[in-house]
């Protein structure tokens, strides 16, 4: 494919992904009340708890005439983005798929079907962690002060939290796909394992919108576990590739490779035969000919 054809292919994939998000968002708009109750429950549950423990007051507010309409559109868009994730993730990977070999396509197709549930699993974990982060942040409110939280900012907070967890759960999957494409090896992942785990915790601390350590740990620990699983899968893929292609990448640098000797031949005699074939000009190997002096040839 030429560059223009690749751009046409990219445009087609993006159009299908956006169309899927829009269609699911339109369907989600009919369930606005149920979705709003689902998204606001983490906030109200923590408000009720803090009201009982410390008499802290907090409310969700809308400070704009067009706020209710914007709120409805945002909730529908967020729902469309999350629920249509298997479709647009597949469109992204389908754009890369033609550049892979047949065996890599088979494995990558399997992992592409895992990408959607894995993304939604990360979103579900983020929703589970969300009340704990909200409770820690609201707990800093003074007793005599009412915390009026704008719904727009609250939704932005939720969106960042859910997307961070969902996208983070895709990172180990893409590492396995890069290994299938031959870009990253299992040995390289093992050599840099400690730095990767440190990077996971740093990423979790920076990416989570809330500043509490609980949200960071809930993101970092599963992500580190997924990285370890991806390393194991990458090592298995490397071993299988080495056996199939008779590659020396699977051997250690100090490991000696076996020498192949034909059955019934002596290694020294076989070497002499090769020498005679190279330097003797007589193809019939006549015994009356004068022997060739190897030192003269040397």
C-alpha atoms as a PDB file:
ATOM      1  CA  UNK A   1       0.000   0.000   0.000  1.00  0.00           C
ATOM      2  CA  UNK A   2       1.136   3.515  -0.761  1.00  0.00           C
ATOM      3  CA  UNK A   3       1.126   6.334   1.782  1.00  0.00           C
ATOM      4  CA  UNK A   4      -2.130   7.705   0.392  1.00  0.00           C
ATOM      5  CA  UNK A   5      -3.757   4.271   0.621  1.00  0.00           C
ATOM      6  CA  UNK A   6      -2.623   3.998   4.259  1.00  0.00           C
ATOM      7  CA  UNK A   7      -4.194   7.385   4.971  1.00  0.00           C
ATOM      8  CA  UNK A   8      -7.455   6.255   3.343  1.00  0.00           C
ATOM      9  CA  UNK A   9      -7.362   3.103   5.456  1.00  0.00           C
ATOM     10  CA  UNK A  10      -6.749   5.153   8.605  1.00  0.00           C
ATOM     11  CA  UNK A  11      -9.626   7.461   7.738  1.00  0.00           C
ATOM     12  CA  UNK A  12     -11.943   4.485   7.239  1.00  0.00           C
ATOM     13  CA  UNK A  13     -10.972   2.937  10.573  1.00  0.00           C
ATOM     14  CA  UNK A  14     -11.382   6.203  12.456  1.00  0.00           C
ATOM     15  CA  UNK A  15     -14.777   6.781  10.860  1.00  0.00           C
ATOM     16  CA  UNK A  16     -15.996   3.337  11.956  1.00  0.00           C
ATOM     17  CA  UNK A  17     -14.673   3.879  15.491  1.00  0.00           C
ATOM     18  CA  UNK A  18     -16.317   7.301  15.833  1.00  0.00           C
ATOM     19  CA  UNK A  19     -19.549   5.984  14.344  1.00  0.00           C
ATOM     20  CA  UNK A  20     -19.662   3.173  16.912  1.00  0.00           C
ATOM     21  CA  UNK A  21     -19.096   5.642  19.771  1.00  0.00           C
ATOM     22  CA  UNK A  22     -21.826   7.974  18.479  1.00  0.00           C
ATOM     23  CA  UNK A  23     -24.378   5.180  18.000  1.00  0.00           C
ATOM     24  CA  UNK A  24     -23.789   3.756  21.479  1.00  0.00           C
ATOM     25  CA  UNK A  25     -23.921   7.290  22.927  1.00  0.00           C
ATOM     26  CA  UNK A  26     -27.318   7.869  21.296  1.00  0.00           C
ATOM     27  CA  UNK A  27     -28.633   4.641  22.780  1.00  0.00           C
ATOM     28  CA  UNK A  28     -27.181   5.556  26.192  1.00  0.00           C
ATOM     29  CA  UNK A  29     -29.013   8.894  26.125  1.00  0.00           C
ATOM     30  CA  UNK A  30     -32.302   7.031  26.605  1.00  0.00           C
ATOM     31  CA  UNK A  31     -30.945   5.643  29.904  1.00  0.00           C
ATOM     32  CA  UNK A  32     -29.794   8.999  31.262  1.00  0.00           C
ATOM     33  CA  UNK A  33     -31.462   8.699  34.673  1.00  0.00           C
ATOM     34  CA  UNK A  34     -30.007   5.271  35.385  1.00  0.00           C
ATOM     35  CA  UNK A  35     -26.525   6.310  34.201  1.00  0.00           C
ATOM     36  CA  UNK A  36     -26.552   9.518  36.263  1.00  0.00           C
ATOM     37  CA  UNK A  37     -27.553   7.579  39.362  1.00  0.00           C
ATOM     38  CA  UNK A  38     -24.712   5.127  38.675  1.00  0.00           C
ATOM     39  CA  UNK A  39     -22.097   7.864  38.257  1.00  0.00           C
ATOM     40  CA  UNK A  40     -23.261   9.966  41.206  1.00  0.00           C
ATOM     41  CA  UNK A  41     -23.591   7.077  43.657  1.00  0.00           C
ATOM     42  CA  UNK A  42     -19.864   7.110  44.652  1.00  0.00           C
ATOM     43  CA  UNK A  43     -20.200  10.793  45.574  1.00  0.00           C
ATOM     44  CA  UNK A  44     -23.450  10.532  47.513  1.00  0.00           C
ATOM     45  CA  UNK A  45     -22.358   7.413  49.367  1.00  0.00           C
ATOM     46  CA  UNK A  46     -19.286   9.185  50.698  1.00  0.00           C
ATOM     47  CA  UNK A  47     -21.310  12.318  51.521  1.00  0.00           C
ATOM     48  CA  UNK A  48     -23.689  10.242  53.647  1.00  0.00           C
ATOM     49  CA  UNK A  49     -20.785   8.588  55.415  1.00  0.00           C
ATOM     50  CA  UNK A  50     -18.983  11.860  56.144  1.00  0.00           C
ATOM     51  CA  UNK A  51     -22.235  13.491  57.292  1.00  0.00           C
ATOM     52  CA  UNK A  52     -22.635  10.778  59.910  1.00  0.00           C
ATOM     53  CA  UNK A  53     -19.005  10.764  61.028  1.00  0.00           C
ATOM     54  CA  UNK A  54     -18.013  14.460  60.909  1.00  0.00           C
ATOM     55  CA  UNK A  55     -21.186  16.357  59.935  1.00  0.00           C
ATOM     56  CA  UNK A  56     -19.603  17.437  56.624  1.00  0.00           C
ATOM     57  CA  UNK A  57     -21.969  18.794  53.975  1.00  0.00           C
ATOM     58  CA  UNK A  58     -21.345  18.411  50.238  1.00  0.00           C
ATOM     59  CA  UNK A  59     -23.653  18.762  47.241  1.00  0.00           C
ATOM     60  CA  UNK A  60     -23.563  18.493  43.464  1.00  0.00           C
ATOM     61  CA  UNK A  61     -24.555  21.746  41.781  1.00  0.00           C
ATOM     62  CA  UNK A  62     -25.220  23.082  38.281  1.00  0.00           C
ATOM     63  CA  UNK A  63     -24.319  26.749  37.822  1.00  0.00           C
ATOM     64  CA  UNK A  64     -25.374  27.273  34.219  1.00  0.00           C
ATOM     65  CA  UNK A  65     -28.629  27.450  32.280  1.00  0.00           C
ATOM     66  CA  UNK A  66     -27.292  25.058  29.626  1.00  0.00           C
ATOM     67  CA  UNK A  67     -25.682  22.873  32.303  1.00  0.00           C
ATOM     68  CA  UNK A  68     -28.378  20.155  32.357  1.00  0.00           C
ATOM     69  CA  UNK A  69     -28.140  19.687  28.569  1.00  0.00           C
ATOM     70  CA  UNK A  70     -24.339  19.565  28.643  1.00  0.00           C
ATOM     71  CA  UNK A  71     -24.524  17.101  31.530  1.00  0.00           C
ATOM     72  CA  UNK A  72     -26.798  14.810  29.542  1.00  0.00           C
ATOM     73  CA  UNK A  73     -24.517  14.959  26.497  1.00  0.00           C
ATOM     74  CA  UNK A  74     -21.388  14.251  28.547  1.00  0.00           C
ATOM     75  CA  UNK A  75     -22.903  11.247  30.283  1.00  0.00           C
ATOM     76  CA  UNK A  76     -24.067   9.839  26.958  1.00  0.00           C
ATOM     77  CA  UNK A  77     -20.629  10.396  25.411  1.00  0.00           C
ATOM     78  CA  UNK A  78     -18.782   8.781  28.315  1.00  0.00           C
ATOM     79  CA  UNK A  79     -21.108   5.782  28.194  1.00  0.00           C
ATOM     80  CA  UNK A  80     -20.637   5.474  24.433  1.00  0.00           C
ATOM     81  CA  UNK A  81     -16.863   5.640  24.805  1.00  0.00           C
ATOM     82  CA  UNK A  82     -16.751   2.910  27.453  1.00  0.00           C
ATOM     83  CA  UNK A  83     -19.419   0.557  26.119  1.00  0.00           C
ATOM     84  CA  UNK A  84     -18.158   0.701  22.521  1.00  0.00           C
ATOM     85  CA  UNK A  85     -14.541   0.065  23.547  1.00  0.00           C
ATOM     86  CA  UNK A  86     -14.408  -3.439  21.973  1.00  0.00           C
ATOM     87  CA  UNK A  87     -15.330  -1.930  18.588  1.00  0.00           C
ATOM     88  CA  UNK A  88     -12.947   1.033  18.462  1.00  0.00           C
ATOM     89  CA  UNK A  89     -10.096  -0.961  19.991  1.00  0.00           C
ATOM     90  CA  UNK A  90     -10.537  -3.529  17.235  1.00  0.00           C
ATOM     91  CA  UNK A  91     -10.518  -0.784  14.582  1.00  0.00           C
ATOM     92  CA  UNK A  92      -7.212   0.524  15.929  1.00  0.00           C
ATOM     93  CA  UNK A  93      -5.639  -2.897  15.870  1.00  0.00           C
ATOM     94  CA  UNK A  94      -7.145  -3.782  12.465  1.00  0.00           C
ATOM     95  CA  UNK A  95      -5.170  -0.880  11.013  1.00  0.00           C
ATOM     96  CA  UNK A  96      -1.914  -2.503  12.232  1.00  0.00           C
ATOM     97  CA  UNK A  97      -2.923  -6.097  11.461  1.00  0.00           C
ATOM     98  CA  UNK A  98      -2.078  -6.227   7.699  1.00  0.00           C
ATOM     99  CA  UNK A  99       1.584  -5.548   8.464  1.00  0.00           C
ATOM    100  CA  UNK A 100       1.992  -8.750  10.496  1.00  0.00           C
ATOM    101  CA  UNK A 101       2.813 -12.307   9.453  1.00  0.00           C
ATOM    102  CA  UNK A 102       0.163 -15.011   9.328  1.00  0.00           C
ATOM    103  CA  UNK A 103       1.130 -16.571  12.668  1.00  0.00           C
ATOM    104  CA  UNK A 104       1.289 -13.135  14.312  1.00  0.00           C
ATOM    105  CA  UNK A 105      -2.165 -12.314  12.939  1.00  0.00           C
ATOM    106  CA  UNK A 106      -3.618 -15.419  14.566  1.00  0.00           C
ATOM    107  CA  UNK A 107      -2.307 -14.530  18.012  1.00  0.00           C
ATOM    108  CA  UNK A 108      -2.996 -10.821  17.670  1.00  0.00           C
ATOM    109  CA  UNK A 109      -6.621 -11.476  16.685  1.00  0.00           C
ATOM    110  CA  UNK A 110      -7.048 -13.496  19.874  1.00  0.00           C
ATOM    111  CA  UNK A 111      -5.574 -10.707  21.973  1.00  0.00           C
ATOM    112  CA  UNK A 112      -7.668  -8.098  20.159  1.00  0.00           C
ATOM    113  CA  UNK A 113     -10.799  -9.817  21.429  1.00  0.00           C
ATOM    114  CA  UNK A 114      -9.314  -9.684  24.947  1.00  0.00           C
ATOM    115  CA  UNK A 115      -8.650  -5.933  24.674  1.00  0.00           C
ATOM    116  CA  UNK A 116     -12.308  -4.913  25.045  1.00  0.00           C
ATOM    117  CA  UNK A 117     -13.071  -6.947  28.192  1.00  0.00           C
ATOM    118  CA  UNK A 118      -9.705  -5.921  29.630  1.00  0.00           C
ATOM    119  CA  UNK A 119     -10.517  -2.240  29.093  1.00  0.00           C
ATOM    120  CA  UNK A 120     -13.926  -2.626  30.681  1.00  0.00           C
ATOM    121  CA  UNK A 121     -12.350  -4.550  33.569  1.00  0.00           C
ATOM    122  CA  UNK A 122     -10.033  -1.600  34.210  1.00  0.00           C
ATOM    123  CA  UNK A 123     -13.007   0.772  34.112  1.00  0.00           C
ATOM    124  CA  UNK A 124     -14.877  -1.437  36.588  1.00  0.00           C
ATOM    125  CA  UNK A 125     -11.889  -1.429  38.943  1.00  0.00           C
ATOM    126  CA  UNK A 126     -11.676   2.360  38.636  1.00  0.00           C
ATOM    127  CA  UNK A 127     -15.350   2.654  39.533  1.00  0.00           C
ATOM    128  CA  UNK A 128     -14.731   0.453  42.579  1.00  0.00           C
ATOM    129  CA  UNK A 129     -11.808   2.626  43.704  1.00  0.00           C
ATOM    130  CA  UNK A 130     -13.628   5.883  42.943  1.00  0.00           C
ATOM    131  CA  UNK A 131     -15.613   6.164  46.224  1.00  0.00           C
ATOM    132  CA  UNK A 132     -12.472   5.697  48.300  1.00  0.00           C
ATOM    133  CA  UNK A 133     -10.672   8.494  46.457  1.00  0.00           C
ATOM    134  CA  UNK A 134     -13.688  10.801  46.680  1.00  0.00           C
ATOM    135  CA  UNK A 135     -14.084  10.106  50.391  1.00  0.00           C
ATOM    136  CA  UNK A 136     -10.444  10.941  51.122  1.00  0.00           C
ATOM    137  CA  UNK A 137     -10.657  14.203  49.181  1.00  0.00           C
ATOM    138  CA  UNK A 138     -13.961  15.293  50.718  1.00  0.00           C
ATOM    139  CA  UNK A 139     -12.654  14.487  54.185  1.00  0.00           C
ATOM    140  CA  UNK A 140     -10.415  17.574  54.002  1.00  0.00           C
ATOM    141  CA  UNK A 141     -13.519  19.835  53.996  1.00  0.00           C
ATOM    142  CA  UNK A 142     -13.813  21.890  57.203  1.00  0.00           C
ATOM    143  CA  UNK A 143     -16.801  21.107  59.404  1.00  0.00           C
ATOM    144  CA  UNK A 144     -18.401  24.535  59.145  1.00  0.00           C
ATOM    145  CA  UNK A 145     -17.972  24.803  55.348  1.00  0.00           C
ATOM    146  CA  UNK A 146     -20.349  23.360  52.744  1.00  0.00           C
ATOM    147  CA  UNK A 147     -18.585  21.822  49.749  1.00  0.00           C
ATOM    148  CA  UNK A 148     -20.536  22.672  46.568  1.00  0.00           C
ATOM    149  CA  UNK A 149     -19.123  20.533  43.769  1.00  0.00           C
ATOM    150  CA  UNK A 150     -19.984  21.410  40.189  1.00  0.00           C
ATOM    151  CA  UNK A 151     -21.344  18.459  38.275  1.00  0.00           C
ATOM    152  CA  UNK A 152     -19.196  19.311  35.249  1.00  0.00           C
ATOM    153  CA  UNK A 153     -15.966  19.103  37.235  1.00  0.00           C
ATOM    154  CA  UNK A 154     -17.179  15.984  38.980  1.00  0.00           C
ATOM    155  CA  UNK A 155     -17.812  14.261  35.654  1.00  0.00           C
ATOM    156  CA  UNK A 156     -14.378  15.308  34.400  1.00  0.00           C
ATOM    157  CA  UNK A 157     -12.874  13.769  37.518  1.00  0.00           C
ATOM    158  CA  UNK A 158     -14.781  10.528  36.989  1.00  0.00           C
ATOM    159  CA  UNK A 159     -13.916  10.410  33.289  1.00  0.00           C
ATOM    160  CA  UNK A 160     -10.203  10.785  33.951  1.00  0.00           C
ATOM    161  CA  UNK A 161     -10.309   8.152  36.669  1.00  0.00           C
ATOM    162  CA  UNK A 162     -12.141   5.576  34.563  1.00  0.00           C
ATOM    163  CA  UNK A 163     -10.125   6.184  31.399  1.00  0.00           C
ATOM    164  CA  UNK A 164      -6.809   6.000  33.266  1.00  0.00           C
ATOM    165  CA  UNK A 165      -7.723   2.611  34.715  1.00  0.00           C
ATOM    166  CA  UNK A 166      -9.116   1.346  31.406  1.00  0.00           C
ATOM    167  CA  UNK A 167      -6.187   2.443  29.247  1.00  0.00           C
ATOM    168  CA  UNK A 168      -3.632   1.280  31.826  1.00  0.00           C
ATOM    169  CA  UNK A 169      -4.974  -2.242  31.638  1.00  0.00           C
ATOM    170  CA  UNK A 170      -4.274  -2.208  27.878  1.00  0.00           C
ATOM    171  CA  UNK A 171      -0.555  -1.438  28.241  1.00  0.00           C
ATOM    172  CA  UNK A 172       0.563  -5.032  29.094  1.00  0.00           C
ATOM    173  CA  UNK A 173      -1.545  -6.300  26.208  1.00  0.00           C
ATOM    174  CA  UNK A 174       0.235  -4.024  23.767  1.00  0.00           C
ATOM    175  CA  UNK A 175       3.570  -5.229  25.161  1.00  0.00           C
ATOM    176  CA  UNK A 176       2.607  -8.804  24.264  1.00  0.00           C
ATOM    177  CA  UNK A 177       1.563  -7.658  20.799  1.00  0.00           C
ATOM    178  CA  UNK A 178       4.907  -5.893  20.346  1.00  0.00           C
ATOM    179  CA  UNK A 179       6.601  -9.122  21.362  1.00  0.00           C
ATOM    180  CA  UNK A 180       4.630 -11.009  18.729  1.00  0.00           C
ATOM    181  CA  UNK A 181       5.799  -8.460  16.182  1.00  0.00           C
ATOM    182  CA  UNK A 182       9.426  -9.009  17.250  1.00  0.00           C
ATOM    183  CA  UNK A 183       9.939  -5.518  18.693  1.00  0.00           C
ATOM    184  CA  UNK A 184      10.289  -6.482  22.377  1.00  0.00           C
ATOM    185  CA  UNK A 185      11.760  -9.731  23.708  1.00  0.00           C
ATOM    186  CA  UNK A 186      10.912 -11.552  26.908  1.00  0.00           C
ATOM    187  CA  UNK A 187      14.548 -11.468  27.972  1.00  0.00           C
ATOM    188  CA  UNK A 188      14.630  -7.666  27.684  1.00  0.00           C
ATOM    189  CA  UNK A 189      11.499  -7.423  29.829  1.00  0.00           C
ATOM    190  CA  UNK A 190      13.101  -9.650  32.451  1.00  0.00           C
ATOM    191  CA  UNK A 191      16.328  -7.643  32.504  1.00  0.00           C
ATOM    192  CA  UNK A 192      14.427  -4.398  33.085  1.00  0.00           C
ATOM    193  CA  UNK A 193      11.728  -5.865  35.347  1.00  0.00           C
ATOM    194  CA  UNK A 194      12.674  -3.856  38.438  1.00  0.00           C
ATOM    195  CA  UNK A 195      12.720  -0.566  36.526  1.00  0.00           C
ATOM    196  CA  UNK A 196       9.403  -1.387  34.875  1.00  0.00           C
ATOM    197  CA  UNK A 197       7.738  -2.007  38.240  1.00  0.00           C
ATOM    198  CA  UNK A 198       9.130   1.263  39.594  1.00  0.00           C
ATOM    199  CA  UNK A 199       7.838   3.006  36.478  1.00  0.00           C
ATOM    200  CA  UNK A 200       4.411   1.420  37.026  1.00  0.00           C
ATOM    201  CA  UNK A 201       4.138   2.927  40.512  1.00  0.00           C
ATOM    202  CA  UNK A 202       5.347   6.309  39.265  1.00  0.00           C
ATOM    203  CA  UNK A 203       2.829   6.186  36.416  1.00  0.00           C
ATOM    204  CA  UNK A 204       0.027   5.251  38.811  1.00  0.00           C
ATOM    205  CA  UNK A 205       0.918   8.123  41.138  1.00  0.00           C
ATOM    206  CA  UNK A 206       0.931  10.655  38.285  1.00  0.00           C
ATOM    207  CA  UNK A 207      -2.012   9.330  36.253  1.00  0.00           C
ATOM    208  CA  UNK A 208      -4.643   8.973  38.969  1.00  0.00           C
ATOM    209  CA  UNK A 209      -6.607  12.229  39.393  1.00  0.00           C
ATOM    210  CA  UNK A 210      -6.902  11.806  43.153  1.00  0.00           C
ATOM    211  CA  UNK A 211      -3.854  12.273  45.335  1.00  0.00           C
ATOM    212  CA  UNK A 212      -4.619   9.465  47.763  1.00  0.00           C
ATOM    213  CA  UNK A 213      -2.300   6.441  47.971  1.00  0.00           C
ATOM    214  CA  UNK A 214      -5.208   3.976  47.901  1.00  0.00           C
ATOM    215  CA  UNK A 215      -6.128   4.818  44.308  1.00  0.00           C
ATOM    216  CA  UNK A 216      -2.474   4.625  43.318  1.00  0.00           C
ATOM    217  CA  UNK A 217      -2.053   1.178  44.859  1.00  0.00           C
ATOM    218  CA  UNK A 218      -5.279  -0.121  43.335  1.00  0.00           C
ATOM    219  CA  UNK A 219      -3.935   0.870  39.921  1.00  0.00           C
ATOM    220  CA  UNK A 220      -0.261  -0.010  40.393  1.00  0.00           C
ATOM    221  CA  UNK A 221      -0.639  -3.490  41.884  1.00  0.00           C
ATOM    222  CA  UNK A 222      -2.912  -4.987  39.175  1.00  0.00           C
ATOM    223  CA  UNK A 223      -0.853  -3.251  36.491  1.00  0.00           C
ATOM    224  CA  UNK A 224       2.384  -4.719  37.873  1.00  0.00           C
ATOM    225  CA  UNK A 225       0.751  -8.160  37.950  1.00  0.00           C
ATOM    226  CA  UNK A 226      -0.336  -7.780  34.327  1.00  0.00           C
ATOM    227  CA  UNK A 227       3.214  -6.790  33.387  1.00  0.00           C
ATOM    228  CA  UNK A 228       4.559  -9.970  34.976  1.00  0.00           C
ATOM    229  CA  UNK A 229       1.986 -12.040  33.098  1.00  0.00           C
ATOM    230  CA  UNK A 230       2.949 -10.321  29.847  1.00  0.00           C
ATOM    231  CA  UNK A 231       6.617 -11.125  30.509  1.00  0.00           C
ATOM    232  CA  UNK A 232       5.805 -14.809  30.985  1.00  0.00           C
ATOM    233  CA  UNK A 233       3.787 -14.855  27.753  1.00  0.00           C
ATOM    234  CA  UNK A 234       6.591 -13.056  25.907  1.00  0.00           C
ATOM    235  CA  UNK A 235       9.160 -15.618  27.067  1.00  0.00           C
ATOM    236  CA  UNK A 236       6.923 -18.493  25.932  1.00  0.00           C
ATOM    237  CA  UNK A 237       6.464 -16.848  22.544  1.00  0.00           C
ATOM    238  CA  UNK A 238      10.237 -16.326  22.207  1.00  0.00           C
ATOM    239  CA  UNK A 239      10.950 -19.986  22.968  1.00  0.00           C
ATOM    240  CA  UNK A 240       8.382 -21.157  20.462  1.00  0.00           C
ATOM    241  CA  UNK A 241       9.738 -18.790  17.829  1.00  0.00           C
ATOM    242  CA  UNK A 242      13.295 -19.990  18.483  1.00  0.00           C
ATOM    243  CA  UNK A 243      12.286 -23.647  18.045  1.00  0.00           C
ATOM    244  CA  UNK A 244      10.351 -22.885  14.880  1.00  0.00           C
ATOM    245  CA  UNK A 245      12.955 -20.720  13.177  1.00  0.00           C
ATOM    246  CA  UNK A 246      16.082 -22.509  14.562  1.00  0.00           C
ATOM    247  CA  UNK A 247      17.210 -19.156  15.840  1.00  0.00           C
ATOM    248  CA  UNK A 248      20.137 -18.613  18.242  1.00  0.00           C
ATOM    249  CA  UNK A 249      18.297 -15.857  20.111  1.00  0.00           C
ATOM    250  CA  UNK A 250      17.062 -18.376  22.661  1.00  0.00           C
ATOM    251  CA  UNK A 251      20.599 -19.354  23.742  1.00  0.00           C
ATOM    252  CA  UNK A 252      22.705 -17.632  26.336  1.00  0.00           C
ATOM    253  CA  UNK A 253      25.786 -15.768  25.153  1.00  0.00           C
ATOM    254  CA  UNK A 254      28.140 -18.235  26.898  1.00  0.00           C
ATOM    255  CA  UNK A 255      26.314 -21.390  25.810  1.00  0.00           C
ATOM    256  CA  UNK A 256      28.118 -23.575  23.255  1.00  0.00           C
ATOM    257  CA  UNK A 257      26.179 -24.687  20.209  1.00  0.00           C
ATOM    258  CA  UNK A 258      26.269 -28.423  19.268  1.00  0.00           C
ATOM    259  CA  UNK A 259      28.413 -29.494  16.293  1.00  0.00           C
ATOM    260  CA  UNK A 260      26.842 -31.721  13.675  1.00  0.00           C
ATOM    261  CA  UNK A 261      29.004 -34.650  12.478  1.00  0.00           C
ATOM    262  CA  UNK A 262      27.846 -37.176   9.915  1.00  0.00           C
ATOM    263  CA  UNK A 263      27.391 -40.695  11.178  1.00  0.00           C
ATOM    264  CA  UNK A 264      30.345 -43.003  10.485  1.00  0.00           C
ATOM    265  CA  UNK A 265      32.779 -40.197   9.653  1.00  0.00           C
ATOM    266  CA  UNK A 266      35.707 -39.078  11.711  1.00  0.00           C
ATOM    267  CA  UNK A 267      35.982 -35.368  12.225  1.00  0.00           C
ATOM    268  CA  UNK A 268      39.646 -35.330  11.203  1.00  0.00           C
ATOM    269  CA  UNK A 269      39.158 -37.494   8.121  1.00  0.00           C
ATOM    270  CA  UNK A 270      36.212 -35.352   7.051  1.00  0.00           C
ATOM    271  CA  UNK A 271      38.402 -32.263   7.322  1.00  0.00           C
ATOM    272  CA  UNK A 272      41.090 -33.859   5.158  1.00  0.00           C
ATOM    273  CA  UNK A 273      38.506 -34.797   2.555  1.00  0.00           C
ATOM    274  CA  UNK A 274      37.341 -31.227   2.354  1.00  0.00           C
ATOM    275  CA  UNK A 275      40.955 -30.073   1.986  1.00  0.00           C
ATOM    276  CA  UNK A 276      41.548 -32.496  -0.888  1.00  0.00           C
ATOM    277  CA  UNK A 277      38.367 -31.398  -2.630  1.00  0.00           C
ATOM    278  CA  UNK A 278      39.484 -27.776  -2.468  1.00  0.00           C
ATOM    279  CA  UNK A 279      43.129 -28.097  -3.568  1.00  0.00           C
ATOM    280  CA  UNK A 280      43.445 -31.207  -5.709  1.00  0.00           C
ATOM    281  CA  UNK A 281      42.994 -30.213  -9.367  1.00  0.00           C
ATOM    282  CA  UNK A 282      42.501 -33.785 -10.514  1.00  0.00           C
ATOM    283  CA  UNK A 283      38.808 -34.717 -10.163  1.00  0.00           C
ATOM    284  CA  UNK A 284      39.611 -38.407 -10.498  1.00  0.00           C
ATOM    285  CA  UNK A 285      42.099 -38.232  -7.618  1.00  0.00           C
ATOM    286  CA  UNK A 286      44.692 -40.290  -9.606  1.00  0.00           C
ATOM    287  CA  UNK A 287      47.186 -42.023  -7.256  1.00  0.00           C
ATOM    288  CA  UNK A 288      50.005 -41.534  -9.822  1.00  0.00           C
ATOM    289  CA  UNK A 289      49.753 -37.764  -9.488  1.00  0.00           C
ATOM    290  CA  UNK A 290      52.213 -35.948  -7.344  1.00  0.00           C
ATOM    291  CA  UNK A 291      50.708 -35.167  -3.934  1.00  0.00           C
ATOM    292  CA  UNK A 292      49.860 -31.576  -3.346  1.00  0.00           C
ATOM    293  CA  UNK A 293      52.058 -29.835  -0.800  1.00  0.00           C
ATOM    294  CA  UNK A 294      49.795 -27.953   1.533  1.00  0.00           C
ATOM    295  CA  UNK A 295      52.572 -25.713   2.787  1.00  0.00           C
ATOM    296  CA  UNK A 296      53.263 -24.504  -0.748  1.00  0.00           C
ATOM    297  CA  UNK A 297      49.637 -23.587  -1.193  1.00  0.00           C
ATOM    298  CA  UNK A 298      49.619 -21.848   2.121  1.00  0.00           C
END
